[in-house]
Amino acid sequence: MTAADDDRARAAVAQLPVTFRPLVTRVVLITMGTLLLAVLSTLAVVMPYEGVSPWSTGDRVTLVVVGVLALALLALLSRPKAVADADGLTVVNLTVRRRLAWAEVLAVRLRPGDAWVHLDLADGTTLAVMGIQPGIARRQAIGDARLLRTLVEALGEARGDGIGERDAPR
């Protein structure tokens, strides 16, 4: 490890705890879910009670329930994050939360075309980190992946070759 790498590692460790989350994606999903619920609730209120084809109370309730379910689904999709602290990394994906010690993470990978970061683990498996995704905010995702790689190198036992100039999407 060079002196520059050592300084970068110290700076990364000094930032702990760090939360990696696709903020723009989260804002878009929650905003769209809230707007959808508002529109469906408004429709449920303004549809006619009388006339040729009146809306029943059941129809109105169904419209609001669909809006609530849509908001819940979009909130679930906005859940992913990764939290790095001195003891390890907590990865929260859609429905699964996993706590990893730094020694368990061998490499951090984000190759061109990947939907999110992947961790190579000591048990031979790979774990997706949906909290770092280059979809809308590519530069932030690449920076977050590099920071996570630096933390893995500084705090873990193994040294991986994850994000390098050749692996980073252009």
Protein backbone atom coordinates (compact mmCIF):
# COMPACT_ATOMS: atom_id res chain seq x y z
CA MET A 1 0.00 0.00 0.00
CA THR A 2 1.46 3.35 -1.02
CA ALA A 3 1.44 6.46 1.15
CA ALA A 4 -1.39 7.94 -0.96
CA ASP A 5 -3.44 4.74 -0.52
CA ASP A 6 -2.73 4.83 3.20
CA ASP A 7 -3.92 8.45 3.43
CA ARG A 8 -7.04 7.65 1.42
CA ALA A 9 -7.77 4.68 3.69
CA ARG A 10 -7.37 6.83 6.84
CA ALA A 11 -9.69 9.48 5.37
CA ALA A 12 -12.31 6.83 4.48
CA VAL A 13 -12.18 5.29 7.97
CA ALA A 14 -12.52 8.75 9.52
CA GLN A 15 -15.86 9.20 7.71
CA LEU A 16 -17.44 6.19 9.43
CA PRO A 17 -20.29 5.51 9.79
CA VAL A 18 -21.28 6.00 6.15
CA THR A 19 -24.67 5.28 4.60
CA PHE A 20 -24.80 4.51 0.89
CA ARG A 21 -28.23 5.11 -0.59
CA PRO A 22 -29.44 6.04 -4.10
CA LEU A 23 -30.93 9.37 -2.99
CA VAL A 24 -32.24 10.56 -6.37
CA THR A 25 -33.92 7.22 -7.06
CA ARG A 26 -35.46 7.25 -3.58
CA VAL A 27 -36.84 10.78 -4.03
CA VAL A 28 -38.31 9.92 -7.45
CA LEU A 29 -39.98 6.72 -6.20
CA ILE A 30 -41.49 8.26 -3.06
CA THR A 31 -42.64 11.35 -4.97
CA MET A 32 -44.30 9.27 -7.69
CA GLY A 33 -46.00 7.04 -5.11
CA THR A 34 -47.31 10.04 -3.18
CA LEU A 35 -48.59 11.71 -6.35
CA LEU A 36 -50.25 8.50 -7.50
CA LEU A 37 -52.00 8.12 -4.14
CA ALA A 38 -53.13 11.76 -4.26
CA VAL A 39 -54.52 11.42 -7.81
CA LEU A 40 -56.36 8.17 -7.06
CA SER A 41 -57.77 9.56 -3.82
CA THR A 42 -58.94 12.70 -5.63
CA LEU A 43 -60.60 10.57 -8.31
CA ALA A 44 -62.34 8.53 -5.62
CA VAL A 45 -63.83 11.73 -4.19
CA VAL A 46 -64.83 13.49 -7.41
CA MET A 47 -66.41 10.58 -9.31
CA PRO A 48 -70.21 10.87 -9.58
CA TYR A 49 -72.53 9.51 -6.92
CA GLU A 50 -75.51 9.65 -9.26
CA GLY A 51 -76.23 9.47 -12.96
CA VAL A 52 -75.91 6.81 -15.63
CA SER A 53 -72.96 5.01 -14.03
CA PRO A 54 -72.50 6.08 -10.42
CA TRP A 55 -69.50 4.96 -8.41
CA SER A 56 -70.25 2.90 -5.32
CA THR A 57 -68.45 3.24 -2.00
CA GLY A 58 -66.64 -0.01 -2.80
CA ASP A 59 -65.33 1.44 -6.06
CA ARG A 60 -64.01 4.47 -4.24
CA VAL A 61 -62.37 2.43 -1.49
CA THR A 62 -60.78 0.16 -4.10
CA LEU A 63 -59.25 3.16 -5.85
CA VAL A 64 -57.73 4.44 -2.60
CA VAL A 65 -56.46 0.95 -1.66
CA VAL A 66 -54.76 0.65 -5.07
CA GLY A 67 -53.06 3.99 -4.41
CA VAL A 68 -51.88 2.88 -0.97
CA LEU A 69 -50.56 -0.41 -2.37
CA ALA A 70 -48.71 1.43 -5.15
CA LEU A 71 -47.13 3.77 -2.60
CA ALA A 72 -46.14 0.80 -0.43
CA LEU A 73 -44.52 -0.97 -3.40
CA LEU A 74 -42.59 2.13 -4.43
CA ALA A 75 -41.49 2.67 -0.80
CA LEU A 76 -40.21 -0.93 -0.76
CA LEU A 77 -38.26 -0.28 -3.96
CA SER A 78 -36.69 2.80 -2.33
CA ARG A 79 -35.51 0.82 0.74
CA PRO A 80 -32.04 -0.42 -0.36
CA LYS A 81 -29.02 0.98 1.41
CA ALA A 82 -25.66 -0.07 2.81
CA VAL A 83 -24.33 1.17 6.14
CA ALA A 84 -20.61 0.91 6.82
CA ASP A 85 -19.31 1.28 10.36
CA ALA A 86 -16.13 0.31 12.15
CA ASP A 87 -17.36 -3.23 12.83
CA GLY A 88 -18.64 -4.13 9.37
CA LEU A 89 -21.16 -3.53 6.63
CA THR A 90 -24.94 -3.85 6.80
CA VAL A 91 -26.54 -4.42 3.40
CA VAL A 92 -30.29 -3.75 3.15
CA ASN A 93 -31.85 -4.84 -0.13
CA LEU A 94 -35.56 -5.05 -0.96
CA THR A 95 -36.58 -7.65 1.60
CA VAL A 96 -33.28 -8.90 3.03
CA ARG A 97 -30.90 -7.34 5.56
CA ARG A 98 -27.46 -8.88 6.00
CA ARG A 99 -24.67 -7.91 8.39
CA LEU A 100 -21.11 -8.61 7.24
CA ALA A 101 -17.83 -8.31 9.11
CA TRP A 102 -15.16 -6.51 7.10
CA ALA A 103 -13.10 -9.72 6.89
CA GLU A 104 -15.99 -11.42 5.02
CA VAL A 105 -15.82 -8.97 2.10
CA LEU A 106 -13.06 -9.81 -0.39
CA ALA A 107 -13.81 -7.38 -3.23
CA VAL A 108 -16.19 -4.64 -4.34
CA ARG A 109 -17.21 -4.83 -8.01
CA LEU A 110 -19.05 -2.37 -10.25
CA ARG A 111 -18.52 -3.22 -13.90
CA PRO A 112 -20.02 -1.40 -16.89
CA GLY A 113 -23.62 -2.50 -17.30
CA ASP A 114 -24.06 -3.68 -13.70
CA ALA A 115 -27.30 -2.53 -12.10
CA TRP A 116 -25.60 -2.23 -8.70
CA VAL A 117 -22.44 -3.07 -6.80
CA HIS A 118 -21.58 -6.69 -6.06
CA LEU A 119 -19.50 -7.92 -3.16
CA ASP A 120 -17.34 -11.02 -3.44
CA LEU A 121 -17.55 -12.76 -0.06
CA ALA A 122 -15.15 -15.08 1.72
CA ASP A 123 -17.63 -17.98 1.58
CA GLY A 124 -17.46 -17.95 -2.24
CA THR A 125 -20.78 -16.19 -2.81
CA THR A 126 -21.63 -12.81 -4.24
CA LEU A 127 -23.94 -10.29 -2.59
CA ALA A 128 -25.69 -7.48 -4.44
CA VAL A 129 -25.57 -4.07 -2.78
CA MET A 130 -28.64 -2.39 -4.25
CA GLY A 131 -27.90 0.73 -2.22
CA ILE A 132 -25.17 1.68 -4.71
CA GLN A 133 -26.69 1.75 -8.17
CA PRO A 134 -25.48 3.78 -11.13
CA GLY A 135 -28.87 4.10 -12.83
CA ILE A 136 -29.71 7.79 -12.33
CA ALA A 137 -26.61 9.03 -10.47
CA ARG A 138 -23.65 7.24 -12.09
CA ARG A 139 -20.90 9.49 -10.70
CA GLN A 140 -22.22 9.16 -7.16
CA ALA A 141 -22.41 5.37 -7.52
CA ILE A 142 -18.84 5.13 -8.81
CA GLY A 143 -17.60 7.35 -5.98
CA ASP A 144 -19.55 5.34 -3.42
CA ALA A 145 -18.18 2.07 -4.83
CA ARG A 146 -14.63 3.40 -4.64
CA LEU A 147 -15.16 4.56 -1.05
CA LEU A 148 -16.59 1.14 -0.12
CA ARG A 149 -13.63 -0.56 -1.80
CA THR A 150 -11.22 1.66 0.16
CA LEU A 151 -13.01 0.75 3.40
CA VAL A 152 -12.83 -2.96 2.55
CA GLU A 153 -9.11 -2.66 1.86
CA ALA A 154 -8.48 -0.64 5.03
CA LEU A 155 -10.63 -2.65 7.44
CA GLY A 156 -10.81 -6.11 5.87
CA GLU A 157 -8.22 -8.87 5.74
CA ALA A 158 -8.22 -9.48 1.98
CA ARG A 159 -7.26 -7.05 -0.76
CA GLY A 160 -9.60 -7.05 -3.80
CA ASP A 161 -9.20 -5.46 -7.21
CA GLY A 162 -12.73 -4.04 -7.51
CA ILE A 163 -13.10 -0.53 -8.83
CA GLY A 164 -10.19 0.49 -10.95
CA GLU A 165 -9.99 2.68 -13.99
CA ARG A 166 -10.55 -0.37 -16.19
CA ASP A 167 -13.69 -1.45 -14.29
CA ALA A 168 -15.38 1.93 -13.93
CA PRO A 169 -18.20 2.69 -16.37
CA ARG A 170 -17.47 5.59 -18.68
